Protein backbone atom coordinates (compact mmCIF):
# COMPACT_ATOMS: atom_id res chain seq x y z
CA MET A 1 -0.01 -0.01 0.03
CA ALA A 2 1.45 3.43 -1.05
CA ALA A 3 2.26 5.40 1.93
CA PRO A 4 0.90 8.82 1.91
CA LYS A 5 2.84 12.09 0.61
CA LYS A 6 4.80 14.01 3.12
CA GLY A 7 3.41 17.52 3.92
CA ARG A 8 -0.21 16.64 3.16
CA ARG A 9 -2.63 15.95 6.05
CA ALA A 10 -4.69 12.68 5.75
CA PRO A 11 -8.19 13.64 6.09
CA ALA A 12 -9.46 12.38 9.00
CA SER A 13 -6.35 14.33 10.75
CA GLN A 14 -8.07 16.23 13.92
CA GLY A 15 -5.32 19.25 14.02
CA HIS A 16 -5.35 21.14 17.44
CA PRO A 17 -8.63 21.92 18.46
CA GLY A 18 -7.59 22.43 22.22
CA ARG A 19 -5.83 25.98 21.05
CA ALA A 20 -8.80 27.27 19.50
CA LEU A 21 -10.95 26.58 22.46
CA ILE A 22 -8.10 28.48 24.85
CA LEU A 23 -8.51 31.28 22.45
CA VAL A 24 -12.36 31.41 22.82
CA LEU A 25 -11.70 31.15 26.62
CA ILE A 26 -9.09 33.99 26.78
CA ALA A 27 -11.44 36.42 24.81
CA ILE A 28 -14.20 35.65 27.08
CA VAL A 29 -11.86 36.61 30.00
CA GLY A 30 -10.58 39.37 28.23
CA LEU A 31 -14.06 40.89 27.89
CA ILE A 32 -15.39 39.98 31.60
CA GLY A 33 -12.06 41.88 32.57
CA GLY A 34 -13.11 44.63 30.43
CA MET A 35 -16.39 44.98 32.41
CA PHE A 36 -14.89 45.23 35.43
CA ALA A 37 -12.27 47.72 34.62
CA SER A 38 -14.86 49.74 32.87
CA GLY A 39 -17.24 49.43 35.97
CA THR A 40 -20.20 48.73 34.03
CA MET A 41 -21.85 45.43 33.94
CA THR A 42 -25.35 46.00 32.57
CA PRO A 43 -25.93 46.80 29.20
CA ARG A 44 -27.25 50.51 28.93
CA LEU A 45 -30.83 50.53 28.30
CA GLY A 46 -32.82 52.70 25.91
CA ILE A 47 -35.47 55.20 25.97
CA ASP A 48 -38.01 52.41 25.61
CA LEU A 49 -36.86 50.31 28.33
CA ALA A 50 -35.18 52.61 30.71
CA GLY A 51 -37.79 55.47 30.54
CA GLY A 52 -37.43 59.20 29.11
CA THR A 53 -39.16 61.55 26.88
CA SER A 54 -38.58 61.53 23.20
CA PHE A 55 -39.43 64.73 20.88
CA THR A 56 -40.45 64.77 17.46
CA LEU A 57 -39.28 68.29 15.64
CA ALA A 58 -40.71 69.13 12.19
CA ALA A 59 -38.66 72.02 10.43
CA GLN A 60 -40.59 75.07 9.20
CA ASN A 61 -39.69 77.64 6.70
CA GLN A 62 -40.07 81.04 7.35
CA PRO A 63 -41.79 83.49 4.91
CA GLY A 64 -40.00 84.38 1.76
CA LYS A 65 -37.71 81.66 2.47
CA PRO A 66 -39.13 78.21 0.94
CA ASN A 67 -35.65 76.49 0.33
CA ALA A 68 -34.21 76.63 3.85
CA ILE A 69 -34.77 72.71 4.48
CA ASN A 70 -32.47 70.72 3.06
CA GLU A 71 -29.95 67.58 3.95
CA THR A 72 -27.10 70.13 5.14
CA ASN A 73 -29.22 72.13 7.31
CA MET A 74 -31.06 69.55 9.10
CA ASN A 75 -27.68 67.66 9.86
CA THR A 76 -26.50 71.07 11.29
CA ALA A 77 -29.51 71.68 13.07
CA ALA A 78 -29.40 68.18 14.53
CA GLY A 79 -25.75 68.96 15.68
CA ILE A 80 -26.49 71.89 17.64
CA MET A 81 -29.29 70.11 19.32
CA GLU A 82 -27.23 67.09 20.13
CA ARG A 83 -24.63 69.66 21.83
CA ARG A 84 -27.65 71.22 23.47
CA VAL A 85 -28.88 68.13 25.47
CA ASN A 86 -25.66 66.58 25.71
CA GLY A 87 -24.48 70.05 27.64
CA LEU A 88 -27.61 69.58 30.14
CA GLY A 89 -25.35 66.38 31.30
CA VAL A 90 -27.27 63.70 29.46
CA SER A 91 -24.82 61.57 27.46
CA GLU A 92 -27.20 59.56 26.50
CA ALA A 93 -29.30 61.50 24.30
CA GLU A 94 -29.86 60.51 20.83
CA VAL A 95 -30.36 63.26 18.10
CA GLN A 96 -30.81 61.80 14.58
CA THR A 97 -32.50 63.20 11.33
CA GLN A 98 -35.57 61.16 10.10
CA GLY A 99 -37.11 62.11 6.52
CA SER A 100 -36.32 65.39 4.99
CA ASN A 101 -37.86 67.28 7.43
CA HIS A 102 -38.14 65.97 11.12
CA ILE A 103 -35.58 65.38 13.72
CA ILE A 104 -36.08 62.73 16.35
CA VAL A 105 -34.78 63.53 20.11
CA ASN A 106 -34.56 60.67 22.68
CA ILE A 107 -33.84 61.67 26.51
CA PRO A 108 -33.82 58.98 29.00
CA LYS A 109 -34.91 59.50 32.32
CA GLY A 110 -33.31 61.71 34.87
CA THR A 111 -33.38 64.55 32.90
CA ASP A 112 -35.88 67.77 33.51
CA ALA A 113 -38.24 67.22 30.54
CA LYS A 114 -39.35 71.18 30.13
CA GLN A 115 -35.58 72.14 30.18
CA ALA A 116 -34.92 69.61 27.54
CA ARG A 117 -37.92 70.90 25.48
CA GLN A 118 -36.69 74.48 25.70
CA GLN A 119 -33.09 73.55 24.53
CA VAL A 120 -34.44 71.50 21.50
CA GLY A 121 -37.13 73.77 20.50
CA THR A 122 -35.60 77.20 20.08
CA THR A 123 -33.54 78.23 17.08
CA ALA A 124 -30.18 78.93 17.32
CA GLN A 125 -28.91 82.44 18.44
CA LEU A 126 -25.73 83.69 16.33
CA GLY A 127 -24.17 86.82 17.27
CA PHE A 128 -20.68 88.77 16.85
CA ARG A 129 -19.63 90.18 20.10
CA PRO A 130 -16.48 92.42 20.66
CA VAL A 131 -14.11 90.75 23.19
CA LEU A 132 -13.33 92.78 26.33
CA THR A 133 -10.87 90.23 28.12
CA ILE A 134 -10.17 86.64 28.13
CA ALA A 135 -9.61 84.55 31.48
CA ALA A 136 -8.99 80.93 31.97
CA GLY A 137 -12.22 78.69 32.26
CA GLY A 138 -12.02 77.67 35.61
CA LYS A 139 -13.70 79.38 38.08
CA THR A 140 -11.12 82.52 39.46
CA PRO A 141 -10.96 82.16 43.14
CA ALA A 142 -10.12 86.32 43.39
CA PRO A 143 -9.39 89.14 41.02
CA GLN A 144 -5.39 89.02 40.49
CA PRO A 145 -2.97 92.31 40.18
CA SER A 146 -1.58 92.82 36.72
CA PRO A 147 1.55 91.47 36.26
CA SER A 148 2.39 94.56 33.55
CA LYS A 149 1.64 98.21 33.79
CA GLY A 150 0.62 98.46 30.36
CA GLY A 151 -1.51 95.65 29.71
CA THR A 152 -1.00 93.46 26.81
CA ASN A 153 2.08 94.06 24.80
CA GLY A 154 -0.08 93.44 21.28
CA LYS A 155 2.61 90.29 20.46
CA GLY A 156 0.46 87.32 22.10
CA ASP A 157 2.93 87.10 25.26
CA LYS A 158 1.11 85.03 27.83
CA ALA A 159 -0.56 86.55 30.53
CA ALA A 160 -3.28 85.13 32.66
CA GLY A 161 -6.12 83.90 31.06
CA GLY A 162 -4.62 85.76 27.99
CA LYS A 163 -2.56 83.83 25.01
CA GLY A 164 -1.48 81.27 27.36
CA ALA A 165 -4.92 79.61 27.15
CA PRO A 166 -5.52 76.30 25.46
CA GLY A 167 -6.74 76.58 21.91
CA THR A 168 -5.46 78.36 19.03
CA GLN A 169 -6.05 81.88 18.67
CA GLN A 170 -7.22 83.41 15.51
CA ASN A 171 -6.22 86.53 13.60
CA ALA A 172 -8.12 88.81 11.46
CA SER A 173 -6.57 91.07 8.72
CA SER A 174 -7.84 91.87 5.37
CA GLY A 175 -5.36 89.38 4.19
CA PRO A 176 -3.17 86.65 4.60
CA SER A 177 -0.12 87.92 6.37
CA PRO A 178 2.84 86.92 4.71
CA ASN A 179 5.16 87.87 7.82
CA ALA A 180 3.09 85.52 10.09
CA LYS A 181 4.76 84.79 13.64
CA PRO A 182 4.42 81.97 15.30
CA THR A 183 1.75 82.10 18.53
CA SER A 184 2.83 80.91 22.09
CA GLN A 185 2.05 77.26 20.75
CA GLY A 186 5.05 77.46 18.55
CA ARG A 187 2.24 77.42 15.35
CA ALA A 188 2.13 79.99 12.53
CA VAL A 189 -1.33 80.82 12.65
CA THR A 190 -3.02 83.52 10.47
CA ASP A 191 -7.24 83.75 10.63
CA ALA A 192 -7.66 86.46 8.12
CA LEU A 193 -11.05 88.31 7.47
CA LYS A 194 -9.96 89.13 3.67
CA LYS A 195 -11.79 91.99 1.89
CA ALA A 196 -13.89 91.08 -1.16
CA PRO A 197 -15.27 91.23 -3.95
CA SER A 198 -11.70 92.18 -4.86
CA GLY A 199 -9.79 89.67 -3.35
CA LYS A 200 -6.65 91.56 -3.48
CA PRO A 201 -5.23 90.81 -0.15
CA THR A 202 -4.01 94.31 1.46
CA PRO A 203 -0.92 93.88 3.47
CA SER A 204 -1.92 94.42 7.39
CA GLY A 205 -0.41 97.23 9.40
CA PRO A 206 0.68 97.08 12.83
CA ALA A 207 -2.50 97.44 15.52
CA THR A 208 -2.85 101.17 16.30
CA PRO A 209 -2.86 100.42 20.40
CA SER A 210 -5.65 102.78 22.00
CA ALA A 211 -4.49 104.18 25.49
CA PRO A 212 -6.73 102.81 28.52
CA ALA A 213 -8.34 105.14 30.53
CA THR A 214 -7.86 102.89 33.61
CA PRO A 215 -5.21 100.11 34.10
CA PRO A 216 -6.47 96.98 32.62
CA ALA A 217 -7.26 93.65 33.84
CA PRO A 218 -5.45 90.47 32.89
CA GLY A 219 -5.94 89.78 29.53
CA GLY A 220 -7.96 92.88 28.57
CA ALA A 221 -9.22 96.33 29.92
CA ALA A 222 -10.78 97.15 33.20
CA LEU A 223 -14.45 95.63 33.37
CA PRO A 224 -17.21 97.20 35.44
CA PRO A 225 -17.30 95.80 38.77
CA ALA A 226 -20.74 93.65 37.95
CA LEU A 227 -19.44 92.27 34.82
CA GLN A 228 -15.73 91.54 36.38
CA LYS A 229 -17.66 89.96 39.31
CA GLN A 230 -19.77 87.75 37.01
CA LEU A 231 -16.58 86.51 35.01
CA ASN A 232 -14.54 85.86 38.06
CA ALA A 233 -17.79 83.41 38.90
CA LEU A 234 -18.00 81.78 36.02
CA ASP A 235 -17.00 78.09 35.83
CA CYS A 236 -16.79 76.33 32.10
CA SER A 237 -14.87 73.35 33.59
CA THR A 238 -17.69 70.81 32.78
CA LYS A 239 -20.61 70.41 30.40
CA LYS A 240 -23.38 71.07 32.88
CA SER A 241 -21.81 74.33 34.11
CA ARG A 242 -21.18 75.28 30.40
CA ALA A 243 -24.71 74.70 29.63
CA ALA A 244 -25.81 77.02 32.35
CA ALA A 245 -23.54 79.49 31.67
CA GLY A 246 -24.61 79.25 27.59
CA GLU A 247 -28.41 79.38 28.55
CA LYS A 248 -28.09 82.34 30.70
CA ALA A 249 -25.90 84.08 27.73
CA ALA A 250 -28.35 83.27 25.00
CA GLY A 251 -30.92 85.03 27.70
CA THR A 252 -29.24 88.38 27.74
CA LYS A 253 -30.23 90.93 25.38
CA PRO A 254 -27.90 91.92 22.56
CA SER A 255 -27.52 95.34 23.85
CA ASP A 256 -26.11 94.44 26.95
CA PRO A 257 -22.46 92.95 27.62
CA VAL A 258 -22.31 89.28 28.80
CA VAL A 259 -19.82 86.71 29.93
CA ALA A 260 -19.79 83.18 28.01
CA CYS A 261 -17.32 80.11 27.81
CA HIS A 262 -15.63 78.67 25.17
CA ASN A 263 -17.48 75.82 23.66
CA ASP A 264 -14.59 73.37 24.84
CA GLY A 265 -14.53 74.85 28.27
CA SER A 266 -10.61 76.47 28.17
CA ARG A 267 -11.44 79.87 28.19
CA LYS A 268 -14.03 82.37 29.23
CA TYR A 269 -14.66 86.08 28.30
CA ALA A 270 -16.32 89.46 28.93
CA LEU A 271 -18.11 90.23 25.88
CA GLY A 272 -19.56 93.44 24.39
CA PRO A 273 -22.89 93.70 23.06
CA VAL A 274 -23.70 92.31 19.86
CA GLY A 275 -22.24 94.07 16.88
CA VAL A 276 -23.35 91.68 14.13
CA GLU A 277 -26.27 89.58 14.31
CA GLY A 278 -26.49 85.98 12.96
CA THR A 279 -29.52 87.18 10.55
CA ASP A 280 -26.80 89.57 8.99
CA VAL A 281 -24.80 86.46 7.53
CA LYS A 282 -26.33 85.50 4.12
CA ASP A 283 -24.05 82.48 3.76
CA ALA A 284 -20.93 80.88 5.34
CA LYS A 285 -19.05 77.64 3.72
CA ALA A 286 -15.52 75.81 3.82
CA VAL A 287 -13.14 76.28 1.13
CA PHE A 288 -9.83 74.76 0.15
CA ASP A 289 -7.66 77.63 -0.89
CA SER A 290 -4.87 76.11 -3.32
CA GLN A 291 -4.10 79.43 -4.74
CA GLN A 292 -2.55 81.59 -1.78
CA GLY A 293 -1.86 78.63 0.21
CA GLN A 294 -3.73 78.98 3.18
CA GLY A 295 -5.57 75.91 3.31
CA TRP A 296 -9.01 75.05 4.40
CA ILE A 297 -11.02 78.72 5.23
CA VAL A 298 -14.57 79.91 6.30
CA GLN A 299 -15.90 82.02 3.86
CA MET A 300 -18.63 84.49 5.25
CA ASP A 301 -21.07 86.50 2.79
CA PHE A 302 -23.15 89.30 4.74
CA THR A 303 -26.48 90.98 3.74
CA SER A 304 -26.07 94.71 2.33
CA GLU A 305 -27.29 95.77 6.32
CA GLY A 306 -25.03 92.94 7.74
CA GLY A 307 -21.89 94.53 5.71
CA LYS A 308 -22.30 98.00 6.90
CA LYS A 309 -22.27 96.53 10.51
CA PHE A 310 -19.33 94.71 9.96
CA ALA A 311 -17.43 97.27 8.55
CA ASP A 312 -17.92 99.34 11.39
CA THR A 313 -17.63 96.60 13.82
CA THR A 314 -14.34 95.64 12.32
CA GLY A 315 -13.24 99.66 12.02
CA LYS A 316 -13.35 99.99 16.01
CA LEU A 317 -11.84 96.82 16.65
CA ALA A 318 -8.94 97.41 14.47
CA ALA A 319 -8.03 100.37 16.62
CA LYS A 320 -7.65 98.43 19.83
CA THR A 321 -4.80 96.33 21.48
CA GLU A 322 -5.31 92.62 21.92
CA PRO A 323 -7.43 91.02 22.96
CA GLN A 324 -9.76 93.77 22.22
CA ASN A 325 -9.32 93.73 18.50
CA GLU A 326 -10.97 90.13 18.49
CA PHE A 327 -14.76 89.30 18.01
CA ALA A 328 -16.52 86.51 19.54
CA ILE A 329 -18.69 84.32 17.09
CA VAL A 330 -21.19 83.44 19.95
CA LEU A 331 -23.68 80.49 19.12
CA ASP A 332 -26.41 79.58 21.73
CA GLY A 333 -24.17 81.91 24.69
CA ALA A 334 -21.04 79.80 23.80
CA VAL A 335 -18.08 81.24 21.91
CA VAL A 336 -16.91 79.04 18.72
CA SER A 337 -14.08 81.27 17.46
CA ASN A 338 -12.62 84.72 18.28
CA PRO A 339 -10.69 86.07 15.35
CA ARG A 340 -8.25 89.07 15.44
CA VAL A 341 -9.17 92.50 13.43
CA SER A 342 -6.34 94.67 12.37
CA GLU A 343 -8.02 96.83 10.10
CA ARG A 344 -11.78 97.75 8.67
CA LEU A 345 -13.34 95.34 6.31
CA ASN A 346 -15.67 96.56 3.92
CA GLY A 347 -17.29 94.97 1.04
CA GLY A 348 -19.88 92.93 2.65
CA ASN A 349 -17.81 89.62 2.37
CA ALA A 350 -15.11 88.05 4.61
CA THR A 351 -12.63 84.96 5.03
CA ILE A 352 -11.48 83.55 8.02
CA SER A 353 -8.23 81.40 7.62
CA GLY A 354 -5.23 80.04 9.51
CA GLY A 355 -5.18 76.68 11.00
CA PHE A 356 -8.09 74.69 10.07
CA THR A 357 -8.56 71.28 9.08
CA GLN A 358 -11.55 70.26 6.78
CA GLN A 359 -13.62 69.18 9.56
CA SER A 360 -13.33 72.35 11.89
CA ALA A 361 -13.82 74.55 8.84
CA GLU A 362 -16.70 72.45 7.76
CA ASP A 363 -18.15 72.82 11.32
CA LEU A 364 -17.60 76.90 11.82
CA GLY A 365 -19.21 77.18 8.24
CA ASN A 366 -22.37 75.35 9.44
CA MET A 367 -22.61 77.22 12.57
CA LEU A 368 -22.48 80.54 11.13
CA SER A 369 -24.51 79.36 8.15
CA TYR A 370 -27.14 77.99 10.72
CA GLY A 371 -27.17 81.08 12.77
CA ALA A 372 -28.46 83.09 9.85
CA LEU A 373 -31.04 80.07 8.60
CA PRO A 374 -34.58 81.10 8.14
CA LEU A 375 -35.32 77.70 9.92
CA SER A 376 -37.52 77.00 12.84
CA PHE A 377 -38.56 73.87 14.77
CA LYS A 378 -42.28 73.01 16.14
CA ILE A 379 -42.47 70.13 18.60
CA ASP A 380 -45.35 67.50 16.34
CA ASP A 381 -44.92 64.87 19.15
CA GLU A 382 -43.72 64.19 22.60
CA THR A 383 -43.80 60.91 24.26
CA THR A 384 -43.16 60.07 27.83
CA VAL A 385 -42.25 56.64 28.59
CA THR A 386 -41.93 55.82 32.14
CA ALA A 387 -39.35 53.48 34.01
CA ALA A 388 -42.03 51.15 34.80
CA LEU A 389 -43.48 50.77 31.19
CA GLY A 390 -40.13 50.17 30.11
CA GLY A 391 -39.34 47.65 32.74
CA GLU A 392 -42.94 45.79 31.99
CA GLN A 393 -41.20 45.85 27.87
CA LEU A 394 -38.19 44.42 29.23
CA HIS A 395 -39.62 41.61 31.06
CA ALA A 396 -41.95 40.43 28.31
CA GLY A 397 -39.05 40.38 26.28
CA LEU A 398 -36.93 38.58 28.58
CA ILE A 399 -40.07 36.00 29.05
CA ALA A 400 -40.36 35.68 25.22
CA GLY A 401 -36.55 35.11 25.17
CA ALA A 402 -36.78 32.54 27.63
CA ILE A 403 -39.63 30.65 26.18
CA GLY A 404 -37.81 30.61 22.81
CA LEU A 405 -34.78 29.32 24.06
CA ALA A 406 -36.48 26.44 26.01
CA LEU A 407 -38.34 25.48 22.80
CA VAL A 408 -34.87 25.21 21.00
CA VAL A 409 -33.68 23.34 23.96
CA LEU A 410 -36.26 20.73 24.18
CA TYR A 411 -35.84 20.24 20.00
CA LEU A 412 -32.40 19.89 20.84
CA VAL A 413 -32.20 17.15 23.09
CA ALA A 414 -35.16 15.38 21.76
CA TYR A 415 -33.93 14.65 18.39
CA TYR A 416 -30.21 15.09 19.02
CA ARG A 417 -29.86 13.89 22.39
CA GLY A 418 -25.97 13.78 23.54
CA LEU A 419 -25.33 16.44 20.79
CA ALA A 420 -27.53 18.92 22.69
CA LEU A 421 -24.70 19.35 24.87
CA VAL A 422 -22.23 20.78 22.28
CA ALA A 423 -25.23 23.01 20.94
CA LEU A 424 -26.07 24.02 24.54
CA ALA A 425 -22.44 24.72 25.18
CA SER A 426 -22.20 27.08 22.14
CA LEU A 427 -25.38 28.76 22.67
CA GLY A 428 -24.17 29.69 26.28
CA VAL A 429 -20.54 30.81 24.80
CA SER A 430 -22.45 33.02 22.22
CA ALA A 431 -24.65 34.42 24.69
CA ILE A 432 -21.77 35.25 27.07
CA LEU A 433 -19.83 36.89 24.13
CA THR A 434 -23.15 38.89 23.01
CA TYR A 435 -23.60 40.08 26.73
CA THR A 436 -20.16 41.68 27.05
CA ILE A 437 -19.93 43.02 23.73
CA MET A 438 -23.13 44.74 24.18
CA THR A 439 -22.25 45.92 27.82
CA LEU A 440 -18.92 47.48 26.79
CA LEU A 441 -20.35 49.00 23.64
CA GLY A 442 -22.48 51.12 25.98
CA PRO A 443 -19.80 53.26 27.05
CA ALA A 444 -17.35 52.95 23.64
CA ILE A 445 -19.94 53.79 21.20
CA GLY A 446 -22.84 55.06 23.17
CA PHE A 447 -25.16 51.39 21.85
CA ALA A 448 -28.31 51.34 24.20
CA LEU A 449 -30.36 48.04 24.43
CA ASN A 450 -33.92 48.68 23.16
CA LEU A 451 -36.86 46.61 23.09
CA PRO A 452 -36.21 46.26 19.32
CA ALA A 453 -32.57 44.90 20.31
CA VAL A 454 -33.94 42.54 22.57
CA CYS A 455 -36.00 40.88 19.59
CA GLY A 456 -33.10 40.83 17.69
CA ALA A 457 -31.22 38.95 20.06
CA ILE A 458 -34.11 36.51 20.21
CA VAL A 459 -34.02 36.31 16.36
CA ALA A 460 -30.24 35.42 16.83
CA ILE A 461 -31.17 32.29 19.01
CA GLY A 462 -32.65 30.62 15.90
CA ILE A 463 -29.86 31.76 13.86
CA THR A 464 -27.22 30.12 16.06
CA ALA A 465 -29.00 27.02 16.58
CA ASP A 466 -29.28 26.68 12.64
CA SER A 467 -25.62 26.41 12.20
CA PHE A 468 -25.35 23.76 14.66
CA ILE A 469 -28.00 21.97 13.14
CA VAL A 470 -26.30 21.96 9.56
CA TYR A 471 -23.16 20.77 10.93
CA PHE A 472 -24.83 17.96 12.83
CA GLU A 473 -26.74 16.71 10.24
CA ARG A 474 -23.85 16.65 7.95
CA ILE A 475 -21.77 14.22 10.41
CA ARG A 476 -24.99 12.06 10.72
CA ASP A 477 -25.18 12.12 6.97
CA GLU A 478 -21.31 10.78 6.91
CA ILE A 479 -22.50 7.97 9.43
CA ARG A 480 -24.90 7.19 7.27
CA GLU A 481 -22.88 6.44 4.50
CA GLY A 482 -20.85 4.00 6.49
CA ARG A 483 -18.04 6.07 8.11
CA THR A 484 -17.05 6.26 11.83
CA LEU A 485 -17.22 9.25 13.98
CA ARG A 486 -13.82 10.77 13.36
CA PRO A 487 -13.79 10.70 9.91
CA ALA A 488 -17.11 12.00 9.57
CA VAL A 489 -16.78 14.68 11.93
CA GLU A 490 -14.09 16.30 9.41
CA ARG A 491 -15.23 15.23 6.00
CA GLY A 492 -19.02 16.81 6.97
CA TRP A 493 -17.30 20.08 8.47
CA PRO A 494 -16.30 21.30 4.63
CA ARG A 495 -19.46 21.21 3.36
CA ALA A 496 -21.15 22.33 6.79
CA ARG A 497 -18.91 25.33 6.59
CA ARG A 498 -19.63 26.41 3.36
CA THR A 499 -23.67 26.41 4.06
CA ILE A 500 -23.02 28.14 7.12
CA LEU A 501 -21.12 30.67 6.06
CA VAL A 502 -23.30 31.14 2.96
CA SER A 503 -26.60 31.38 5.38
CA ASP A 504 -24.92 34.12 7.73
CA PHE A 505 -23.82 36.60 4.94
CA VAL A 506 -27.19 36.25 3.95
CA SER A 507 -28.60 37.12 7.47
CA PHE A 508 -25.53 39.89 8.01
CA LEU A 509 -26.42 41.51 4.32
CA ALA A 510 -29.64 41.98 5.09
CA ALA A 511 -29.14 43.36 8.89
CA ALA A 512 -26.59 45.99 7.22
CA VAL A 513 -29.01 47.36 4.56
CA LEU A 514 -31.40 47.40 7.40
CA PHE A 515 -29.45 49.30 9.81
CA ILE A 516 -28.14 51.69 6.73
CA VAL A 517 -31.63 52.41 5.70
CA THR A 518 -34.01 52.81 8.57
CA VAL A 519 -33.26 55.14 11.62
CA GLY A 520 -34.20 55.36 15.29
CA LYS A 521 -35.21 52.04 16.92
CA VAL A 522 -35.21 49.62 13.88
CA GLN A 523 -31.30 50.37 13.38
CA GLY A 524 -31.07 48.60 16.97
CA PHE A 525 -32.69 45.50 15.98
CA ALA A 526 -30.62 45.80 12.87
CA PHE A 527 -27.60 46.06 14.94
CA THR A 528 -27.87 43.24 17.11
CA LEU A 529 -28.89 41.04 14.31
CA GLY A 530 -25.58 41.86 12.69
CA LEU A 531 -23.60 41.61 15.77
CA THR A 532 -25.10 38.01 16.70
CA THR A 533 -24.51 36.98 13.33
CA VAL A 534 -20.59 37.51 13.43
CA LEU A 535 -20.49 35.76 16.62
CA ASP A 536 -22.31 32.76 15.19
CA VAL A 537 -19.38 32.59 12.69
CA VAL A 538 -16.72 32.96 15.47
CA VAL A 539 -18.61 30.45 17.76
CA VAL A 540 -19.13 27.72 15.33
CA PHE A 541 -15.75 27.85 14.16
CA LEU A 542 -13.91 28.22 17.28
CA PHE A 543 -15.66 26.49 19.12
CA THR A 544 -18.51 23.97 17.82
CA LYS A 545 -16.02 22.50 15.89
CA PRO A 546 -13.03 22.12 18.04
CA LEU A 547 -15.76 20.69 20.99
CA MET A 548 -17.07 18.17 18.40
CA THR A 549 -13.25 17.44 17.46
CA LEU A 550 -12.64 16.60 20.75
CA LEU A 551 -15.94 14.49 22.07
CA ALA A 552 -15.20 12.49 18.41
CA ARG A 553 -12.53 10.85 20.25
CA ARG A 554 -14.52 9.94 23.53
CA LYS A 555 -16.44 6.44 23.72
CA PHE A 556 -19.54 7.57 24.47
CA PHE A 557 -19.99 9.28 20.76
CA ALA A 558 -17.24 7.37 19.07
CA ASP A 559 -19.00 4.17 19.30
CA GLY A 560 -22.48 5.39 18.95
CA HIS A 561 -24.07 5.00 22.20
CA PRO A 562 -27.86 5.24 21.69
CA TRP A 563 -27.89 8.41 23.84
CA SER A 564 -25.23 10.46 21.85
CA GLY A 565 -27.40 11.01 19.21
CA LEU A 566 -25.04 9.15 16.38
CA ASP A 567 -26.16 5.78 16.82
CA PRO A 568 -25.52 4.01 13.41
CA LYS A 569 -28.49 1.90 13.82
CA ARG A 570 -30.86 4.50 14.46
CA LEU A 571 -29.69 6.64 12.01
CA GLY A 572 -29.72 3.90 9.45
CA ALA A 573 -26.10 3.39 8.42
CA LYS A 574 -25.11 1.39 5.71
CA PRO A 575 -22.68 -1.60 6.09
CA PRO A 576 -19.10 -0.11 5.80
CA LEU A 577 -17.49 -1.04 2.54
CA ARG A 578 -14.53 -3.34 2.56
CA ARG A 579 -12.49 -4.95 0.24
CA ARG A 580 -10.40 -8.17 1.07
CA ARG A 581 -6.43 -7.13 0.35
CA GLY A 582 -5.14 -8.85 -2.70
CA ALA A 583 -8.33 -10.26 -3.93
CA ALA A 584 -8.65 -10.50 -7.90
CA PRO A 585 -11.54 -8.79 -9.74
CA THR A 586 -14.35 -11.60 -10.35
CA GLN A 587 -14.62 -12.28 -13.87
CA THR A 588 -17.82 -13.45 -16.06
CA LYS A 589 -17.89 -15.68 -18.51
CA GLU A 590 -19.46 -14.94 -21.85
CA ALA A 591 -22.75 -16.98 -22.93
């Protein structure tokens, strides 16, 4: 008999099934360890299970502006609303567009519904205010004496709460400065306001300082005592405090000075009255400037009245020293940018440039555009889900899952007997992986387990059981052909593997399409279905198949015990085909 060729494994070779089982064990231990490390032991529940409030807002055009409702404006509005509700300390809030003119806002329990309604239902307020002084974002314990006798020197030197504050300081001039110098962070930043429509840059001359009547405060001029007291008391270190400061600032009259936080909390400002309102901005967009090498810039177009206001404001700011030659772009009471001005800018057009990435330029352009949008929202529907109702829904969902699982177990035990142990062990591993991953995805990406997601997990029980049944039936088919268990396990795997992969690919494709084309809670169903489908492939390949390989070496399964589910007589197996060694083939005589 010819010996098998070297380098080729015999068909019945079992490989190293123990390695795959150890890998699965390590993954489970790692995921459970991650749960303990993050301090999160249960999945985050969605609004329909944990309780909360859901708002459906419909966009409305204002008279004379019929084309304001479009995808870009709706996405910008959703982003601003998300920042608003998250500013209330509600990191679990969900804000997403639905259709062409609706926005859905889901806020879990523990949030003031009245306050949330006010936050999501009001139109964004945008304004350009002159900067009076800048300070560090934390609460100021007590006024500190100025380290310099003449205030800031106009060159960007560090001072208390001035240029040394975190973030990139923006500059303003009539064009890109050829002699831009590094800021205190060591980067050249030339955020410019360029005159248009001529587009010809005008060299920016040195700022003309104005002599202050009183000694300036750190980072700016001396403030009225009441305003200085507000600035000292302002704390921008937390989202909640910034949200409260923004709400208070947004409620201030445009003609009154105000204190405000930067949207990242790194700085706080004392600001003068509004010089240019957001409604005076006709359009703003991010553009990549390849001709003058400024990179990503933000171009603004003002209305005729807005252009005059902007020219007057920049003319006044250009005659002052830092930081009073800056204007703050304030959206919903928070400062999103504070460019520096070096001269009066006419023409009704301006460009902000320097230090922008594509994303940051687009974000600022959208904010500026949204402040001028003739777009408002009304609350079409408001639904409140109590925690008790959510608990009842979760309880009912778990009961349904338990009933489905029990029926699957009864079927497996009755039909497959001993093989049911393999299926149950695989289902247990799949359940552990699903639970731990869902738990970790809560703090990682904000995944919330809602009722449709629970339904997706229940459907996944049947999908996972189908994979085991396909493999078991392939093995039993091989035994019916007269093969012993160990070769049957190996020979049945390739065909079963192809069937399992095709079936799971179809399920995953359906889940992916459903996730992409739907919104809201249906995405929870699609996400869970897709996740469990991927885990089914992992479990079958790394746990079910290796475990079956090991059990095939045990006498209980290898000898076909009646309770093993692999009894050849019960399966109607054919006798094994044997041929005597050396026997000559039989010849028949011709008639």
